[in-house]
Amino acid sequence: MWMARFSRLIMAGLVLFAVAANAQTADRNAADAALVDRVKDAVMKELSESGAIDRAIDAGIGRYVERQRAEAEQRDRREADKQAAALRPVSKARDHIRGDAAAPVTLIEYSDFECPFCKRFHATAKRMVDESKGQVKWVYRHFPLDELHPGKARKEAVASECAAELGGNAAFWKFADRFYELTPSNNRTDIDTVLPQIAGEIGLDKARFASCLASGKHDGRIAEDGKDAVATGGRGTPWSFIVSKSGKAYPLSGAQPYAAVKKLVDLALENK
């Protein structure tokens, strides 16, 4: 209703302006200027008192904000699609997978064993898989941040690969779970004590584990995972993606709470 009134007022003003502008030109200057001012003042007063101006401004601001939000969403979606395109496909032969390998939704995490946020997110991801009833699988990839955790995060990643080499996929996850349980994060881990301790606890041959750890045979794999993380937009840890069965990927930065992860999982389940 207020828009109709606003339009009528504007039209009335335009008509009066037109009348003034088209009056005989011989002696119109002062009188017409006064008429224009009176019309303008009357129209502005009516618009102001009726609240039409405020409502028009609010509506304009609302449309502007909505356009900006829509454009931001489109930019974010394009960036997410670009990042997802760089994701290495999940491989049962290569990747460490927790949960049903045939699950329709995949949580891919790039992680650093010394990162306190990765430690927190590890529990969140585990809960997600456990409570998903076979709908979510979790893929763990390495992203050791050497500038923050020199000498330790990368060696711990190697140790997890040695666990997998000697004991299979189950041993990898036992190592990861126990490591996060035992260690304080932020490069404070006594790796010379903790790594062989965990190897013994999960049933690995300590001599073979130590030999693997010193061999450097898994360095290339860990470096490759790190390159993948950066290629997909990762700048810190944990850096993750929720991927639907159709391949649509939703990036997830940091140790997001369970509710936030669940929301993206539900979205991925809808996007089959």
Protein backbone atom coordinates (compact mmCIF):
# COMPACT_ATOMS: atom_id res chain seq x y z
CA MET A 1 0.00 0.00 0.00
CA TRP A 2 2.76 2.42 0.90
CA MET A 3 4.46 1.76 -2.43
CA ALA A 4 1.27 2.74 -4.30
CA ARG A 5 1.00 5.93 -2.27
CA PHE A 6 4.68 6.63 -2.87
CA SER A 7 4.16 6.20 -6.63
CA ARG A 8 1.11 8.52 -6.66
CA LEU A 9 3.04 11.21 -4.85
CA ILE A 10 5.94 10.94 -7.25
CA MET A 11 3.60 11.10 -10.24
CA ALA A 12 1.82 14.15 -8.83
CA GLY A 13 5.17 15.85 -8.32
CA LEU A 14 6.28 15.02 -11.84
CA VAL A 15 3.06 16.42 -13.29
CA LEU A 16 3.47 19.67 -11.42
CA PHE A 17 7.10 19.89 -12.43
CA ALA A 18 6.08 19.33 -16.04
CA VAL A 19 3.44 22.05 -15.84
CA ALA A 20 5.96 24.48 -14.48
CA ALA A 21 8.56 23.54 -17.03
CA ASN A 22 6.15 23.94 -19.96
CA ALA A 23 4.59 27.22 -18.87
CA GLN A 24 4.95 30.21 -21.21
CA THR A 25 8.58 31.21 -21.13
CA ALA A 26 8.14 34.98 -21.21
CA ASP A 27 7.70 35.63 -17.51
CA ARG A 28 7.96 32.36 -15.64
CA ASN A 29 11.33 32.47 -13.91
CA ALA A 30 10.49 33.65 -10.38
CA ALA A 31 6.95 32.30 -10.15
CA ASP A 32 7.81 28.91 -11.58
CA ALA A 33 10.87 28.54 -9.37
CA ALA A 34 8.70 29.23 -6.34
CA LEU A 35 6.08 26.73 -7.54
CA VAL A 36 8.74 24.08 -8.03
CA ASP A 37 10.08 24.66 -4.53
CA ARG A 38 6.60 24.46 -3.00
CA VAL A 39 5.81 21.25 -4.85
CA LYS A 40 9.13 19.74 -3.87
CA ASP A 41 8.68 20.70 -0.22
CA ALA A 42 5.13 19.34 -0.13
CA VAL A 43 6.10 16.05 -1.73
CA MET A 44 9.14 15.58 0.53
CA LYS A 45 7.12 16.43 3.63
CA GLU A 46 4.43 13.91 2.73
CA LEU A 47 6.95 11.23 1.93
CA SER A 48 8.84 11.86 5.16
CA GLU A 49 5.78 11.97 7.40
CA SER A 50 4.29 8.86 5.85
CA GLY A 51 7.52 6.94 6.32
CA ALA A 52 7.70 6.19 2.61
CA ILE A 53 11.25 7.45 2.30
CA ASP A 54 12.50 5.31 5.17
CA ARG A 55 10.74 2.27 3.79
CA ALA A 56 12.11 2.87 0.32
CA ILE A 57 15.62 3.24 1.72
CA ASP A 58 15.23 0.10 3.83
CA ALA A 59 13.95 -1.84 0.83
CA GLY A 60 16.85 -0.62 -1.29
CA ILE A 61 19.37 -1.56 1.36
CA GLY A 62 17.72 -4.96 1.75
CA ARG A 63 17.95 -5.63 -1.99
CA TYR A 64 21.58 -4.53 -2.03
CA VAL A 65 22.49 -6.78 0.91
CA GLU A 66 20.68 -9.72 -0.69
CA ARG A 67 22.54 -9.19 -3.98
CA GLN A 68 25.85 -9.05 -2.12
CA ARG A 69 25.01 -12.23 -0.19
CA ALA A 70 24.01 -14.08 -3.36
CA GLU A 71 27.18 -12.97 -5.15
CA ALA A 72 29.32 -14.05 -2.16
CA GLU A 73 27.62 -17.46 -2.13
CA GLN A 74 28.31 -17.87 -5.85
CA ARG A 75 31.98 -16.93 -5.35
CA ASP A 76 32.29 -19.37 -2.45
CA ARG A 77 30.65 -22.14 -4.48
CA ARG A 78 32.98 -21.53 -7.45
CA GLU A 79 35.99 -21.62 -5.13
CA ALA A 80 34.75 -24.81 -3.46
CA ASP A 81 34.23 -26.45 -6.85
CA LYS A 82 37.75 -25.44 -7.87
CA GLN A 83 39.19 -26.91 -4.67
CA ALA A 84 37.17 -30.09 -5.05
CA ALA A 85 38.47 -30.57 -8.58
CA ALA A 86 41.99 -30.85 -7.13
CA LEU A 87 41.00 -33.55 -4.63
CA ARG A 88 42.71 -36.88 -5.29
CA PRO A 89 40.10 -39.63 -5.70
CA VAL A 90 39.79 -41.96 -2.74
CA SER A 91 41.59 -45.27 -3.26
CA LYS A 92 40.95 -48.35 -1.13
CA ALA A 93 44.43 -49.56 -2.05
CA ARG A 94 46.19 -46.37 -0.93
CA ASP A 95 44.04 -44.40 1.49
CA HIS A 96 43.41 -45.06 5.17
CA ILE A 97 39.64 -45.51 5.39
CA ARG A 98 37.57 -45.78 8.54
CA GLY A 99 33.98 -46.99 8.30
CA ASP A 100 32.18 -48.66 5.43
CA ALA A 101 34.22 -48.17 2.26
CA ALA A 102 30.94 -48.10 0.31
CA ALA A 103 29.44 -45.30 2.43
CA PRO A 104 27.80 -42.60 0.26
CA VAL A 105 29.46 -39.69 2.08
CA THR A 106 33.20 -39.30 2.53
CA LEU A 107 35.01 -37.16 5.07
CA ILE A 108 38.52 -36.48 3.77
CA GLU A 109 40.82 -34.97 6.38
CA TYR A 110 44.34 -33.56 5.89
CA SER A 111 45.91 -33.65 9.33
CA ASP A 112 49.01 -33.01 11.43
CA PHE A 113 49.61 -35.32 14.42
CA GLU A 114 51.03 -32.44 16.48
CA CYS A 115 48.10 -30.09 15.81
CA PRO A 116 45.88 -29.60 18.91
CA PHE A 117 42.90 -28.80 16.69
CA CYS A 118 43.45 -32.03 14.75
CA LYS A 119 43.43 -33.86 18.08
CA ARG A 120 40.05 -32.32 18.88
CA PHE A 121 38.67 -32.97 15.40
CA HIS A 122 39.82 -36.59 15.52
CA ALA A 123 37.22 -37.31 18.20
CA THR A 124 34.56 -35.45 16.24
CA ALA A 125 35.25 -37.38 13.03
CA LYS A 126 35.29 -40.69 14.90
CA ARG A 127 31.92 -39.92 16.45
CA MET A 128 30.54 -38.96 13.04
CA VAL A 129 31.53 -42.31 11.53
CA ASP A 130 30.33 -44.29 14.55
CA GLU A 131 26.92 -42.59 14.63
CA SER A 132 26.33 -42.45 10.86
CA LYS A 133 25.09 -46.06 10.60
CA GLY A 134 27.26 -46.75 7.59
CA GLN A 135 26.54 -43.45 5.82
CA VAL A 136 29.98 -41.84 6.34
CA LYS A 137 33.52 -43.05 5.77
CA TRP A 138 36.61 -41.15 6.94
CA VAL A 139 39.80 -40.82 4.93
CA TYR A 140 42.94 -39.66 6.76
CA ARG A 141 45.70 -37.93 4.80
CA HIS A 142 48.86 -36.25 6.02
CA PHE A 143 49.55 -32.52 6.19
CA PRO A 144 52.45 -32.03 8.65
CA LEU A 145 53.14 -28.34 9.22
CA ASP A 146 56.92 -28.32 9.46
CA GLU A 147 57.12 -24.60 10.22
CA LEU A 148 55.02 -25.12 13.35
CA HIS A 149 56.06 -28.64 14.34
CA PRO A 150 59.58 -29.18 12.99
CA GLY A 151 61.04 -32.65 13.21
CA LYS A 152 58.08 -34.27 14.95
CA ALA A 153 54.86 -34.05 12.94
CA ARG A 154 56.45 -35.51 9.83
CA LYS A 155 58.14 -38.33 11.74
CA GLU A 156 54.85 -39.14 13.46
CA ALA A 157 53.18 -39.32 10.06
CA VAL A 158 55.89 -41.76 8.96
CA ALA A 159 55.30 -43.79 12.12
CA SER A 160 51.59 -44.08 11.29
CA GLU A 161 52.50 -45.35 7.82
CA CYS A 162 54.87 -47.89 9.34
CA ALA A 163 52.01 -49.05 11.56
CA ALA A 164 49.87 -49.50 8.45
CA GLU A 165 52.67 -51.34 6.65
CA LEU A 166 53.17 -53.79 9.49
CA GLY A 167 49.58 -54.17 10.70
CA GLY A 168 47.28 -53.00 7.92
CA ASN A 169 44.50 -50.43 7.92
CA ALA A 170 43.30 -51.39 11.40
CA ALA A 171 46.77 -50.79 12.85
CA PHE A 172 46.91 -47.35 11.27
CA TRP A 173 43.72 -46.30 13.05
CA LYS A 174 44.80 -47.89 16.33
CA PHE A 175 48.04 -45.91 16.09
CA ALA A 176 46.21 -42.65 15.34
CA ASP A 177 43.67 -43.10 18.14
CA ARG A 178 46.32 -43.97 20.72
CA PHE A 179 48.67 -41.24 19.61
CA TYR A 180 46.05 -38.54 20.12
CA GLU A 181 45.13 -40.04 23.48
CA LEU A 182 48.72 -39.99 24.77
CA THR A 183 50.32 -36.85 23.38
CA PRO A 184 50.13 -33.17 24.38
CA SER A 185 50.39 -31.62 20.86
CA ASN A 186 52.25 -28.48 19.73
CA ASN A 187 55.62 -30.21 19.31
CA ARG A 188 55.83 -31.31 22.94
CA THR A 189 55.66 -35.05 22.22
CA ASP A 190 58.60 -37.18 23.33
CA ILE A 191 58.61 -39.19 20.09
CA ASP A 192 61.57 -41.38 21.07
CA THR A 193 59.48 -42.75 23.93
CA VAL A 194 55.92 -42.52 22.61
CA LEU A 195 56.30 -44.01 19.13
CA PRO A 196 57.82 -47.35 20.18
CA GLN A 197 55.42 -47.45 23.14
CA ILE A 198 52.40 -47.23 20.84
CA ALA A 199 53.90 -49.75 18.42
CA GLY A 200 54.18 -52.25 21.27
CA GLU A 201 50.70 -51.50 22.61
CA ILE A 202 49.02 -52.18 19.27
CA GLY A 203 50.96 -55.40 18.72
CA LEU A 204 53.62 -54.40 16.19
CA ASP A 205 57.12 -55.86 16.09
CA LYS A 206 59.23 -53.11 17.65
CA ALA A 207 62.40 -53.94 15.73
CA ARG A 208 60.64 -53.92 12.37
CA PHE A 209 58.81 -50.75 13.34
CA ALA A 210 62.09 -49.00 14.21
CA SER A 211 63.64 -50.18 10.95
CA CYS A 212 60.71 -48.84 8.95
CA LEU A 213 60.82 -45.55 10.80
CA ALA A 214 64.50 -45.06 9.92
CA SER A 215 64.16 -46.16 6.29
CA GLY A 216 62.52 -43.07 4.80
CA LYS A 217 60.38 -45.28 2.56
CA HIS A 218 57.16 -43.41 3.36
CA ASP A 219 58.52 -39.87 3.04
CA GLY A 220 57.31 -39.51 -0.56
CA ARG A 221 53.76 -40.47 0.29
CA ILE A 222 53.55 -37.92 3.11
CA ALA A 223 54.98 -35.20 0.87
CA GLU A 224 52.41 -36.09 -1.79
CA ASP A 225 49.55 -35.81 0.68
CA GLY A 226 50.82 -32.40 1.75
CA LYS A 227 50.96 -31.20 -1.86
CA ASP A 228 47.40 -32.40 -2.37
CA ALA A 229 46.27 -30.47 0.70
CA VAL A 230 47.80 -27.22 -0.59
CA ALA A 231 46.39 -27.79 -4.09
CA THR A 232 42.89 -28.04 -2.66
CA GLY A 233 43.24 -24.78 -0.73
CA GLY A 234 44.59 -26.06 2.58
CA ARG A 235 46.56 -23.53 4.58
CA GLY A 236 46.25 -25.03 8.05
CA THR A 237 45.05 -28.12 9.86
CA PRO A 238 42.73 -29.83 10.06
CA TRP A 239 41.68 -29.19 6.46
CA SER A 240 38.77 -31.36 5.38
CA PHE A 241 36.10 -32.00 2.78
CA ILE A 242 32.70 -33.61 3.01
CA VAL A 243 32.10 -35.31 -0.35
CA SER A 244 28.73 -36.60 -1.57
CA LYS A 245 28.23 -39.73 -3.62
CA SER A 246 27.81 -37.55 -6.73
CA GLY A 247 31.18 -35.92 -6.06
CA LYS A 248 29.99 -32.56 -4.76
CA ALA A 249 32.47 -31.41 -2.13
CA TYR A 250 32.01 -29.08 0.82
CA PRO A 251 35.24 -27.68 2.35
CA LEU A 252 35.60 -27.68 6.11
CA SER A 253 38.37 -25.63 7.72
CA GLY A 254 39.51 -26.16 11.30
CA ALA A 255 38.18 -28.24 14.18
CA GLN A 256 34.52 -27.59 13.49
CA PRO A 257 32.03 -28.88 16.10
CA TYR A 258 30.01 -32.01 15.56
CA ALA A 259 26.83 -30.07 14.69
CA ALA A 260 28.58 -28.18 11.87
CA VAL A 261 30.02 -31.38 10.42
CA LYS A 262 26.65 -33.13 10.71
CA LYS A 263 24.98 -30.30 8.82
CA LEU A 264 27.33 -30.74 5.87
CA VAL A 265 26.98 -34.53 6.01
CA ASP A 266 23.19 -34.17 5.83
CA LEU A 267 23.58 -31.80 2.88
CA ALA A 268 25.84 -34.30 1.13
CA LEU A 269 23.35 -37.11 1.76
CA GLU A 270 20.65 -35.05 0.09
CA ASN A 271 22.91 -34.42 -2.88
CA LYS A 272 23.13 -37.96 -4.18
